[in-house]
Amino acid sequence: MAYNQKNNPFKKIKGGGTKKVCLPAAKVRSMSESERNKVTSAKRKAAKGGKYKRSSKSFVKGARKKGATLRDWFEKENWVQVGNPSKKCGEK
């Protein structure tokens, strides 16, 4: 009979600490207040629970332009915090 260890350190998911949500500035400006609150509260709830990702119900559509590669999206956009758009992504 195999022993099943509950708190196995090798099976833990990495991450789950940050509560900040970052999106391109143009998308944040076009979002309503309720949309912004929905995304930030989902991220906070996930971080509080030690999860790596927020709920799929809070996914944001239309943040990336059609035909843009993932590298373009990350490098060429002005990323800001959804909770406080005056701050850049990664700022405290």
C-alpha atoms as a PDB file:
ATOM      1  CA  MET A   1       0.000   0.000   0.000  1.00  0.00           C
ATOM      2  CA  ALA A   2       1.417   3.390  -1.038  1.00  0.00           C
ATOM      3  CA  TYR A   3       1.592   6.244   1.432  1.00  0.00           C
ATOM      4  CA  ASN A   4      -0.128   9.409   0.187  1.00  0.00           C
ATOM      5  CA  GLN A   5       1.548  12.510   1.602  1.00  0.00           C
ATOM      6  CA  LYS A   6      -0.824  15.504   1.847  1.00  0.00           C
ATOM      7  CA  ASN A   7       1.693  18.350   2.003  1.00  0.00           C
ATOM      8  CA  ASN A   8       4.205  17.205  -0.565  1.00  0.00           C
ATOM      9  CA  PRO A   9       6.609  20.123  -1.303  1.00  0.00           C
ATOM     10  CA  PHE A  10       7.331  18.753  -4.792  1.00  0.00           C
ATOM     11  CA  LYS A  11       3.686  19.048  -5.880  1.00  0.00           C
ATOM     12  CA  LYS A  12       3.140  22.643  -4.763  1.00  0.00           C
ATOM     13  CA  ILE A  13       2.157  25.252  -7.341  1.00  0.00           C
ATOM     14  CA  LYS A  14       4.606  28.113  -7.719  1.00  0.00           C
ATOM     15  CA  GLY A  15       3.288  31.636  -7.234  1.00  0.00           C
ATOM     16  CA  GLY A  16       0.124  32.954  -5.645  1.00  0.00           C
ATOM     17  CA  GLY A  17       1.534  35.976  -3.833  1.00  0.00           C
ATOM     18  CA  THR A  18       0.807  39.052  -5.915  1.00  0.00           C
ATOM     19  CA  LYS A  19      -2.475  40.912  -5.725  1.00  0.00           C
ATOM     20  CA  LYS A  20      -1.733  43.379  -8.538  1.00  0.00           C
ATOM     21  CA  VAL A  21      -3.486  43.118 -11.894  1.00  0.00           C
ATOM     22  CA  CYS A  22      -1.773  44.642 -14.921  1.00  0.00           C
ATOM     23  CA  LEU A  23      -3.264  45.346 -18.348  1.00  0.00           C
ATOM     24  CA  PRO A  24      -2.460  47.690 -21.237  1.00  0.00           C
ATOM     25  CA  ALA A  25      -3.363  51.295 -20.392  1.00  0.00           C
ATOM     26  CA  ALA A  26      -5.734  51.635 -23.361  1.00  0.00           C
ATOM     27  CA  LYS A  27      -7.756  48.648 -22.164  1.00  0.00           C
ATOM     28  CA  VAL A  28      -7.888  49.911 -18.579  1.00  0.00           C
ATOM     29  CA  ARG A  29      -9.193  53.300 -19.798  1.00  0.00           C
ATOM     30  CA  SER A  30     -11.946  51.616 -21.818  1.00  0.00           C
ATOM     31  CA  MET A  31     -13.117  49.391 -18.934  1.00  0.00           C
ATOM     32  CA  SER A  32     -15.999  50.419 -16.695  1.00  0.00           C
ATOM     33  CA  GLU A  33     -15.517  50.749 -12.935  1.00  0.00           C
ATOM     34  CA  SER A  34     -17.434  47.518 -12.312  1.00  0.00           C
ATOM     35  CA  GLU A  35     -15.274  45.600 -14.812  1.00  0.00           C
ATOM     36  CA  ARG A  36     -12.112  46.854 -13.103  1.00  0.00           C
ATOM     37  CA  ASN A  37     -13.445  45.889  -9.679  1.00  0.00           C
ATOM     38  CA  LYS A  38     -14.388  42.430 -10.931  1.00  0.00           C
ATOM     39  CA  VAL A  39     -10.878  41.733 -12.222  1.00  0.00           C
ATOM     40  CA  THR A  40      -9.067  43.109  -9.157  1.00  0.00           C
ATOM     41  CA  SER A  41     -11.302  41.322  -6.652  1.00  0.00           C
ATOM     42  CA  ALA A  42     -10.857  38.018  -8.514  1.00  0.00           C
ATOM     43  CA  LYS A  43      -7.062  38.421  -8.397  1.00  0.00           C
ATOM     44  CA  ARG A  44      -7.097  39.309  -4.687  1.00  0.00           C
ATOM     45  CA  LYS A  45      -9.283  36.309  -3.899  1.00  0.00           C
ATOM     46  CA  ALA A  46      -6.924  34.001  -5.815  1.00  0.00           C
ATOM     47  CA  ALA A  47      -3.841  35.436  -4.094  1.00  0.00           C
ATOM     48  CA  LYS A  48      -5.483  35.109  -0.690  1.00  0.00           C
ATOM     49  CA  GLY A  49      -6.193  31.447  -1.410  1.00  0.00           C
ATOM     50  CA  GLY A  50      -2.600  30.874  -2.534  1.00  0.00           C
ATOM     51  CA  LYS A  51      -3.608  30.243  -6.127  1.00  0.00           C
ATOM     52  CA  TYR A  52      -1.516  31.202  -9.139  1.00  0.00           C
ATOM     53  CA  LYS A  53      -4.334  32.339 -11.449  1.00  0.00           C
ATOM     54  CA  ARG A  54      -7.535  34.274 -11.000  1.00  0.00           C
ATOM     55  CA  SER A  55     -10.946  32.882 -11.902  1.00  0.00           C
ATOM     56  CA  SER A  56     -11.679  32.281 -15.581  1.00  0.00           C
ATOM     57  CA  LYS A  57     -14.949  34.207 -15.106  1.00  0.00           C
ATOM     58  CA  SER A  58     -12.883  37.377 -14.808  1.00  0.00           C
ATOM     59  CA  PHE A  59     -11.006  36.991 -18.113  1.00  0.00           C
ATOM     60  CA  VAL A  60     -10.683  40.228 -20.097  1.00  0.00           C
ATOM     61  CA  LYS A  61     -11.528  40.210 -23.793  1.00  0.00           C
ATOM     62  CA  GLY A  62     -10.146  42.614 -26.377  1.00  0.00           C
ATOM     63  CA  ALA A  63      -6.962  43.560 -24.533  1.00  0.00           C
ATOM     64  CA  ARG A  64      -4.697  42.488 -27.404  1.00  0.00           C
ATOM     65  CA  LYS A  65      -4.921  43.883 -30.915  1.00  0.00           C
ATOM     66  CA  LYS A  66      -5.708  41.471 -33.752  1.00  0.00           C
ATOM     67  CA  GLY A  67      -2.604  40.039 -35.375  1.00  0.00           C
ATOM     68  CA  ALA A  68      -0.239  41.131 -32.592  1.00  0.00           C
ATOM     69  CA  THR A  69       2.242  38.549 -31.428  1.00  0.00           C
ATOM     70  CA  LEU A  70       2.585  37.840 -27.744  1.00  0.00           C
ATOM     71  CA  ARG A  71       6.024  39.476 -27.703  1.00  0.00           C
ATOM     72  CA  ASP A  72       4.633  42.644 -29.332  1.00  0.00           C
ATOM     73  CA  TRP A  73       1.834  42.712 -26.807  1.00  0.00           C
ATOM     74  CA  PHE A  74       4.193  42.602 -23.831  1.00  0.00           C
ATOM     75  CA  GLU A  75       6.921  44.878 -25.167  1.00  0.00           C
ATOM     76  CA  LYS A  76       5.049  47.560 -27.101  1.00  0.00           C
ATOM     77  CA  GLU A  77       2.085  48.217 -24.814  1.00  0.00           C
ATOM     78  CA  ASN A  78       2.058  50.612 -21.860  1.00  0.00           C
ATOM     79  CA  TRP A  79       1.216  48.254 -18.978  1.00  0.00           C
ATOM     80  CA  VAL A  80      -0.411  49.775 -15.878  1.00  0.00           C
ATOM     81  CA  GLN A  81      -2.085  48.498 -12.713  1.00  0.00           C
ATOM     82  CA  VAL A  82      -5.841  48.097 -13.022  1.00  0.00           C
ATOM     83  CA  GLY A  83      -6.438  49.128  -9.389  1.00  0.00           C
ATOM     84  CA  ASN A  84      -4.324  52.286  -9.773  1.00  0.00           C
ATOM     85  CA  PRO A  85      -3.769  53.218 -13.460  1.00  0.00           C
ATOM     86  CA  SER A  86      -1.363  56.026 -12.533  1.00  0.00           C
ATOM     87  CA  LYS A  87       1.212  53.371 -11.534  1.00  0.00           C
ATOM     88  CA  LYS A  88       3.224  51.245 -13.946  1.00  0.00           C
ATOM     89  CA  CYS A  89       3.035  47.471 -13.740  1.00  0.00           C
ATOM     90  CA  GLY A  90       5.432  46.266 -11.050  1.00  0.00           C
ATOM     91  CA  GLU A  91       5.534  49.521  -9.077  1.00  0.00           C
ATOM     92  CA  LYS A  92       4.754  49.426  -5.369  1.00  0.00           C
END
